[in-house]
Amino acid sequence: MTTRSILGLTYTVNGLDTMGYSPQTVLKKHGLSLDKLDPFAQIERATELQILSELFEDVSDSSIGLKMGVRFGLVGYGPFSMLLMSCKNAYEACRTGVRYQSITYLFGELRLELGTEVTAICLQPTTLPGKLNRIIIDRDISGTYRLIQDILKNIEQAVNLAEVWFSYPKPDDIKPYEDLFECELKFDQPYCRLAINNTDLTIPFPNANPTAFDYYRAQCDQVIAKRTDSIEQLSDKICKHLELFVYELPSIVEVAEAFGLAERTLRRQLKNEGTSFQKVLDSVRFEKAKSLLKKTNLPIEEVGRRLGYQEAASFNHAFQRWSETTPSKFRKGLVSR
C-alpha cells in the first residue's frame, strides 16, 4: 500500500473533535489515540480511508467537508508550503503544486487547464463509497482554495474565483458553498475545478527566491523518495503503525489487538520474518529519537520520556546501543550517522 503524511488525517480528526464529534472510539478501534498521533508519521492510504469512512459514518452535517478543508492552512504543509512561497508568482506556484501534489492530502489527481482569461486547477477525485465521496471532495476543494488564499496573502491579494465545479449532483442546500467561494457554482460535472482569473496569477511574489526554491524542492524530493510504495511484511506494517504515535509507543498486546491477532501469533509471524517486536520497537524508537533530537529543542530527558523511558539513563544507554554515541553528542552534530 502507498503511504502518505498523517497530517491530513490529524487535521480532520482535530476538526471533528473541535466540532463536538468524538473521534476517540474510531481511533481506539485502530489502536490509535488523538493525543498520541505523531505529525511526522506516514499512514497507509487504505488505512486512512477506512478510518475516515468510520469517522464520518454518523456525522449529519452536510457541509462538514467544507469545514474540514478550510482548516488545512499553509503552515501544515512543511517544506511544500515554503516551496510554493518561494515561487515567482501564483502561476508558478500552481504549476509547482501540481507537480508535487503527492505531498498533499488529496484523494485524486490534480492538473492545470490554461485558458486565455482563466487558469483552472482541476481535480479528478478518487471515487469513494457513500457519503464519504462528497465529504472528501468538499474537503479537498475547500482545502485547495484555502491554500491558494494563504499563498496570495503573500502579496496582500484576495482570491477572485471565476467558478467552481463539483463532480457530484447539486446538494439541496448550496448556501455554504456560495458563502465560501463567492462565485458561480456548477455541480454534476465530469471533474472538480477551481478557475482563477489570470490577472491574479501573474503578480510577482515579494519573497520569490530561486535559491530557496531549489532548496525546498530538494526537501520535497526527499519526502517523496522516503515514502514506501509497498508494505507486505508484518514487521513493516507494525513499524508504520508504531510511527503514528508521538508519546508512549503501544505495547505488543495493544499492537496485536490493533492488527486483530493474538499476541502469540504476532510473535510467531515476526520470528518467521527474522525479527521480533522488540527489534521493530527499537528501530522506531531510534528513528523518532533522531528526529526529535534534530528537529526540536526538547530536553534529552523529555525525548526519552516521549519514547517510553522513565529515566534519562535508560534512554542514554539505549541510544548508545543503537548509534554508538550519546544523544547529546548526536544533537551537537559530532556524529553524522
Protein backbone atom coordinates (compact mmCIF):
# COMPACT_ATOMS: atom_id res chain seq x y z
CA MET A 1 0.00 0.00 0.00
CA THR A 2 1.17 3.56 -0.66
CA THR A 3 1.78 5.79 2.32
CA ARG A 4 1.18 9.48 2.90
CA SER A 5 1.58 12.07 5.64
CA ILE A 6 -0.71 11.56 8.61
CA LEU A 7 -1.28 15.32 8.91
CA GLY A 8 -4.35 15.20 6.65
CA LEU A 9 -5.98 12.69 8.99
CA THR A 10 -4.76 14.62 12.05
CA TYR A 11 -6.34 17.89 10.89
CA THR A 12 -9.59 16.07 10.14
CA VAL A 13 -9.65 14.30 13.50
CA ASN A 14 -8.88 17.51 15.40
CA GLY A 15 -11.56 19.33 13.43
CA LEU A 16 -14.19 16.75 14.28
CA ASP A 17 -13.17 16.84 17.92
CA THR A 18 -13.45 20.65 17.98
CA MET A 19 -16.93 20.45 16.45
CA GLY A 20 -18.14 18.05 19.11
CA TYR A 21 -17.85 14.79 17.18
CA SER A 22 -15.75 12.45 19.30
CA PRO A 23 -13.24 10.52 17.14
CA GLN A 24 -11.77 8.55 20.04
CA THR A 25 -13.90 5.41 19.60
CA VAL A 26 -12.91 5.02 15.96
CA LEU A 27 -9.26 5.77 16.63
CA LYS A 28 -9.17 3.28 19.51
CA LYS A 29 -10.54 0.61 17.21
CA HIS A 30 -7.45 1.10 15.03
CA GLY A 31 -5.09 1.20 18.00
CA LEU A 32 -4.65 4.99 17.82
CA SER A 33 -5.22 7.92 20.16
CA LEU A 34 -5.96 11.58 19.37
CA ASP A 35 -3.26 12.94 21.69
CA LYS A 36 -0.59 10.49 20.54
CA LEU A 37 -0.61 10.92 16.75
CA ASP A 38 2.88 11.78 15.51
CA PRO A 39 2.77 14.67 12.97
CA PHE A 40 5.91 13.32 11.25
CA ALA A 41 4.42 9.87 10.62
CA GLN A 42 3.17 8.22 7.44
CA ILE A 43 -0.03 6.20 7.17
CA GLU A 44 -1.17 3.63 4.64
CA ARG A 45 -3.67 5.15 2.23
CA ALA A 46 -6.15 2.29 2.68
CA THR A 47 -5.97 2.59 6.46
CA GLU A 48 -6.59 6.33 6.31
CA LEU A 49 -9.63 5.83 4.08
CA GLN A 50 -11.05 3.19 6.41
CA ILE A 51 -10.66 5.48 9.41
CA LEU A 52 -12.19 8.43 7.54
CA SER A 53 -15.15 6.29 6.47
CA GLU A 54 -15.83 5.29 10.07
CA LEU A 55 -15.28 8.81 11.43
CA PHE A 56 -17.92 10.35 9.16
CA GLU A 57 -20.41 7.49 9.34
CA ASP A 58 -22.62 9.20 11.95
CA VAL A 59 -21.90 12.83 11.01
CA SER A 60 -25.07 14.51 9.75
CA ASP A 61 -23.70 17.97 8.87
CA SER A 62 -23.93 18.11 5.06
CA SER A 63 -21.24 20.80 4.81
CA ILE A 64 -18.75 19.09 7.12
CA GLY A 65 -16.27 18.57 4.27
CA LEU A 66 -16.07 22.32 3.56
CA LYS A 67 -15.45 23.00 7.24
CA MET A 68 -12.68 20.40 7.32
CA GLY A 69 -10.88 21.74 4.26
CA VAL A 70 -10.55 25.34 5.42
CA ARG A 71 -8.55 24.06 8.40
CA PHE A 72 -5.77 22.93 6.06
CA GLY A 73 -3.68 26.10 6.20
CA LEU A 74 -0.35 26.80 4.57
CA VAL A 75 1.59 26.12 7.75
CA GLY A 76 0.61 22.45 7.76
CA TYR A 77 2.41 21.54 4.52
CA GLY A 78 6.01 21.79 5.77
CA PRO A 79 8.65 22.24 3.02
CA PHE A 80 5.91 22.07 0.38
CA SER A 81 4.44 25.37 1.61
CA MET A 82 7.87 27.02 1.64
CA LEU A 83 8.47 25.77 -1.91
CA LEU A 84 5.27 27.45 -3.07
CA MET A 85 6.06 30.69 -1.25
CA SER A 86 9.47 30.95 -2.94
CA CYS A 87 7.96 30.76 -6.45
CA LYS A 88 8.00 33.73 -8.86
CA ASN A 89 4.23 34.19 -8.80
CA ALA A 90 0.96 32.35 -8.18
CA TYR A 91 1.00 30.79 -11.63
CA GLU A 92 4.37 29.15 -10.99
CA ALA A 93 3.12 28.14 -7.53
CA CYS A 94 0.13 26.38 -9.14
CA ARG A 95 2.39 24.54 -11.58
CA THR A 96 4.72 23.52 -8.76
CA GLY A 97 1.81 22.44 -6.58
CA VAL A 98 0.52 20.15 -9.32
CA ARG A 99 3.99 18.68 -9.80
CA TYR A 100 4.39 17.92 -6.08
CA GLN A 101 0.76 17.02 -5.37
CA SER A 102 1.74 13.64 -3.91
CA ILE A 103 2.92 15.52 -0.79
CA THR A 104 -0.57 16.92 -0.21
CA TYR A 105 -3.57 15.25 1.45
CA LEU A 106 -5.72 14.99 -1.67
CA PHE A 107 -7.60 11.90 -2.80
CA GLY A 108 -7.42 12.33 -6.54
CA GLU A 109 -5.20 13.74 -9.28
CA LEU A 110 -4.53 17.42 -9.98
CA ARG A 111 -3.80 19.07 -13.31
CA LEU A 112 -3.79 22.62 -14.73
CA GLU A 113 -6.05 23.87 -17.50
CA LEU A 114 -4.71 27.02 -19.18
CA GLY A 115 -7.12 29.47 -20.80
CA THR A 116 -6.94 32.96 -22.25
CA GLU A 117 -8.80 34.50 -19.29
CA VAL A 118 -8.65 31.92 -16.51
CA THR A 119 -6.39 29.15 -15.28
CA ALA A 120 -8.12 26.23 -13.63
CA ILE A 121 -6.81 23.83 -11.02
CA CYS A 122 -8.65 20.61 -11.81
CA LEU A 123 -9.10 17.61 -9.54
CA GLN A 124 -10.15 14.20 -10.80
CA PRO A 125 -11.28 12.80 -7.45
CA THR A 126 -10.87 9.21 -6.33
CA THR A 127 -14.28 7.53 -6.28
CA LEU A 128 -15.10 6.76 -2.66
CA PRO A 129 -18.05 4.89 -1.12
CA GLY A 130 -21.27 6.52 0.04
CA LYS A 131 -21.36 9.97 1.56
CA LEU A 132 -17.60 9.87 2.12
CA ASN A 133 -17.23 10.72 -1.59
CA ARG A 134 -18.84 14.16 -1.24
CA ILE A 135 -17.19 14.88 2.11
CA ILE A 136 -13.68 14.23 0.82
CA ILE A 137 -14.31 16.15 -2.42
CA ASP A 138 -15.57 19.12 -0.40
CA ARG A 139 -12.61 18.83 1.97
CA ASP A 140 -10.08 18.68 -0.85
CA ILE A 141 -11.60 21.53 -2.89
CA SER A 142 -12.03 23.87 0.09
CA GLY A 143 -8.57 22.87 1.33
CA THR A 144 -7.03 23.73 -2.05
CA TYR A 145 -8.89 27.04 -2.02
CA ARG A 146 -7.57 27.79 1.48
CA LEU A 147 -4.03 27.02 0.30
CA ILE A 148 -4.40 29.43 -2.63
CA GLN A 149 -5.77 32.09 -0.28
CA ASP A 150 -2.81 31.72 2.06
CA ILE A 151 -0.34 31.95 -0.83
CA LEU A 152 -1.92 35.12 -2.23
CA LYS A 153 -1.89 36.75 1.20
CA ASN A 154 1.82 36.91 0.47
CA ILE A 155 1.06 39.81 -1.87
CA GLU A 156 -1.91 41.10 0.12
CA GLN A 157 -4.31 39.93 -2.56
CA ALA A 158 -7.64 38.17 -2.32
CA VAL A 159 -8.56 35.18 -4.50
CA ASN A 160 -11.04 36.02 -7.24
CA LEU A 161 -12.54 32.72 -8.37
CA ALA A 162 -14.33 32.70 -11.71
CA GLU A 163 -16.21 29.47 -10.98
CA VAL A 164 -16.01 26.20 -9.07
CA TRP A 165 -17.08 22.77 -10.32
CA PHE A 166 -18.07 19.71 -8.33
CA SER A 167 -18.34 16.18 -9.68
CA TYR A 168 -21.44 15.17 -7.69
CA PRO A 169 -25.12 16.21 -8.00
CA LYS A 170 -26.26 19.60 -6.71
CA PRO A 171 -26.97 19.46 -2.96
CA ASP A 172 -30.27 20.65 -1.51
CA ASP A 173 -28.52 23.45 0.35
CA ILE A 174 -25.78 25.28 -1.58
CA LYS A 175 -25.61 28.37 0.65
CA PRO A 176 -22.45 27.15 2.49
CA TYR A 177 -20.79 26.78 -0.93
CA GLU A 178 -21.93 30.25 -2.06
CA ASP A 179 -20.71 31.81 1.18
CA LEU A 180 -17.29 30.18 0.92
CA PHE A 181 -16.43 30.52 -2.76
CA GLU A 182 -18.45 33.63 -3.74
CA CYS A 183 -18.58 32.73 -7.43
CA GLU A 184 -20.57 30.71 -9.94
CA LEU A 185 -21.00 27.08 -8.87
CA LYS A 186 -21.58 24.09 -11.15
CA PHE A 187 -22.44 20.60 -9.97
CA ASP A 188 -22.65 17.19 -11.64
CA GLN A 189 -19.54 17.97 -13.68
CA PRO A 190 -17.02 15.39 -15.06
CA TYR A 191 -14.40 16.56 -12.54
CA CYS A 192 -13.78 19.28 -9.95
CA ARG A 193 -12.37 22.65 -10.93
CA LEU A 194 -11.25 25.93 -9.35
CA ALA A 195 -11.00 28.63 -12.05
CA ILE A 196 -8.89 31.70 -11.20
CA ASN A 197 -8.58 34.90 -13.23
CA ASN A 198 -5.19 35.01 -14.96
CA THR A 199 -4.55 38.58 -13.82
CA ASP A 200 -4.39 37.31 -10.23
CA LEU A 201 -1.70 34.76 -11.05
CA THR A 202 0.98 36.92 -12.64
CA ILE A 203 1.70 39.42 -9.86
CA PRO A 204 5.30 38.82 -8.63
CA PHE A 205 5.78 37.33 -5.17
CA PRO A 206 7.86 39.63 -2.94
CA ASN A 207 9.58 36.59 -1.37
CA ALA A 208 10.49 34.92 -4.68
CA ASN A 209 13.91 33.33 -4.28
CA PRO A 210 15.44 30.86 -6.78
CA THR A 211 17.96 29.60 -4.20
CA ALA A 212 15.25 28.93 -1.63
CA PHE A 213 13.11 27.34 -4.34
CA ASP A 214 15.88 24.86 -5.20
CA TYR A 215 16.47 24.12 -1.51
CA TYR A 216 12.82 23.36 -0.71
CA ARG A 217 12.37 21.47 -3.97
CA ALA A 218 15.21 19.15 -2.87
CA GLN A 219 13.47 18.69 0.50
CA CYS A 220 10.20 17.81 -1.22
CA ASP A 221 12.03 15.34 -3.45
CA GLN A 222 13.43 13.70 -0.32
CA VAL A 223 9.97 13.45 1.25
CA ILE A 224 8.65 11.68 -1.84
CA ALA A 225 11.67 9.36 -2.04
CA LYS A 226 11.20 8.21 1.55
CA ARG A 227 7.63 7.10 1.03
CA THR A 228 7.10 3.36 0.92
CA ASP A 229 5.37 2.02 -2.17
CA SER A 230 4.76 -1.45 -0.84
CA ILE A 231 4.32 -2.76 2.69
CA GLU A 232 3.99 -6.52 2.62
CA GLN A 233 5.66 -7.91 5.71
CA LEU A 234 4.01 -7.74 9.11
CA SER A 235 7.14 -6.15 10.58
CA ASP A 236 6.87 -3.27 8.09
CA LYS A 237 3.20 -2.78 8.90
CA ILE A 238 3.91 -2.77 12.63
CA CYS A 239 6.73 -0.29 12.07
CA LYS A 240 4.36 2.06 10.23
CA HIS A 241 1.76 1.62 12.98
CA LEU A 242 4.24 2.48 15.73
CA GLU A 243 5.40 5.54 13.79
CA LEU A 244 1.91 7.01 14.17
CA PHE A 245 2.46 7.62 17.88
CA VAL A 246 4.22 10.62 19.37
CA TYR A 247 4.01 9.64 23.06
CA GLU A 248 4.40 6.26 24.77
CA LEU A 249 4.51 3.78 21.93
CA PRO A 250 1.96 0.98 22.35
CA SER A 251 2.80 -2.40 23.85
CA ILE A 252 2.85 -5.66 21.91
CA VAL A 253 -0.56 -6.51 23.38
CA GLU A 254 -2.05 -3.25 22.08
CA VAL A 255 -0.43 -3.70 18.67
CA ALA A 256 -1.71 -7.28 18.40
CA GLU A 257 -5.24 -6.04 19.18
CA ALA A 258 -4.94 -3.29 16.51
CA PHE A 259 -3.99 -5.94 13.92
CA GLY A 260 -6.63 -8.43 15.07
CA LEU A 261 -4.02 -11.01 16.07
CA ALA A 262 -3.28 -12.96 19.20
CA GLU A 263 -0.02 -11.87 20.81
CA ARG A 264 1.45 -15.34 20.32
CA THR A 265 0.54 -15.28 16.61
CA LEU A 266 2.12 -11.86 16.16
CA ARG A 267 5.33 -13.00 17.84
CA ARG A 268 5.45 -16.13 15.68
CA GLN A 269 4.94 -14.24 12.43
CA LEU A 270 7.66 -11.76 13.33
CA LYS A 271 10.01 -14.62 14.19
CA ASN A 272 9.31 -16.16 10.78
CA GLU A 273 10.37 -12.84 9.24
CA GLY A 274 13.64 -12.97 11.14
CA THR A 275 12.83 -10.23 13.64
CA SER A 276 10.95 -9.56 16.87
CA PHE A 277 8.63 -6.95 18.30
CA GLN A 278 11.44 -5.56 20.43
CA LYS A 279 13.68 -5.11 17.36
CA VAL A 280 10.92 -3.33 15.48
CA LEU A 281 10.16 -1.17 18.52
CA ASP A 282 13.83 -0.25 18.95
CA SER A 283 14.11 0.64 15.26
CA VAL A 284 11.13 3.01 15.52
CA ARG A 285 12.39 4.49 18.78
CA PHE A 286 15.79 5.16 17.23
CA GLU A 287 14.31 6.97 14.22
CA LYS A 288 11.99 9.01 16.43
CA ALA A 289 14.84 9.84 18.79
CA LYS A 290 16.99 11.12 15.92
CA SER A 291 14.11 13.19 14.58
CA LEU A 292 13.31 14.76 17.96
CA LEU A 293 16.97 15.49 18.68
CA LYS A 294 17.45 17.13 15.27
CA LYS A 295 14.15 18.95 14.84
CA THR A 296 13.24 20.09 18.37
CA ASN A 297 14.87 21.73 21.37
CA LEU A 298 13.26 19.33 23.83
CA PRO A 299 15.49 18.36 26.77
CA ILE A 300 17.03 14.94 26.28
CA GLU A 301 15.13 13.67 29.33
CA GLU A 302 11.84 14.69 27.66
CA VAL A 303 12.85 12.98 24.40
CA GLY A 304 13.40 9.80 26.39
CA ARG A 305 10.05 10.13 28.19
CA ARG A 306 8.21 10.52 24.89
CA LEU A 307 9.72 7.26 23.75
CA GLY A 308 8.68 5.43 26.90
CA TYR A 309 11.83 5.73 29.03
CA GLN A 310 11.11 6.85 32.59
CA GLU A 311 14.78 7.52 33.35
CA ALA A 312 17.26 9.52 31.27
CA ALA A 313 19.97 6.95 31.95
CA SER A 314 17.91 4.19 30.36
CA PHE A 315 17.35 6.29 27.24
CA ASN A 316 21.03 7.25 27.04
CA HIS A 317 22.06 3.61 27.32
CA ALA A 318 19.61 2.55 24.60
CA PHE A 319 20.65 5.36 22.25
CA GLN A 320 24.32 4.47 22.67
CA ARG A 321 23.50 0.85 21.85
CA TRP A 322 21.75 1.94 18.64
CA SER A 323 24.22 4.57 17.49
CA GLU A 324 27.48 4.15 19.43
CA THR A 325 27.20 7.74 20.66
CA THR A 326 25.23 9.72 23.24
CA PRO A 327 22.06 11.74 22.49
CA SER A 328 23.82 14.99 23.45
CA LYS A 329 26.75 14.36 21.08
CA PHE A 330 24.35 13.35 18.32
CA ARG A 331 22.41 16.59 18.79
CA LYS A 332 25.59 18.66 18.68
CA GLY A 333 26.42 17.11 15.32
CA LEU A 334 29.58 15.37 16.47
CA VAL A 335 28.49 12.29 14.51
CA SER A 336 26.74 12.08 11.16
CA ARG A 337 25.13 8.66 11.30
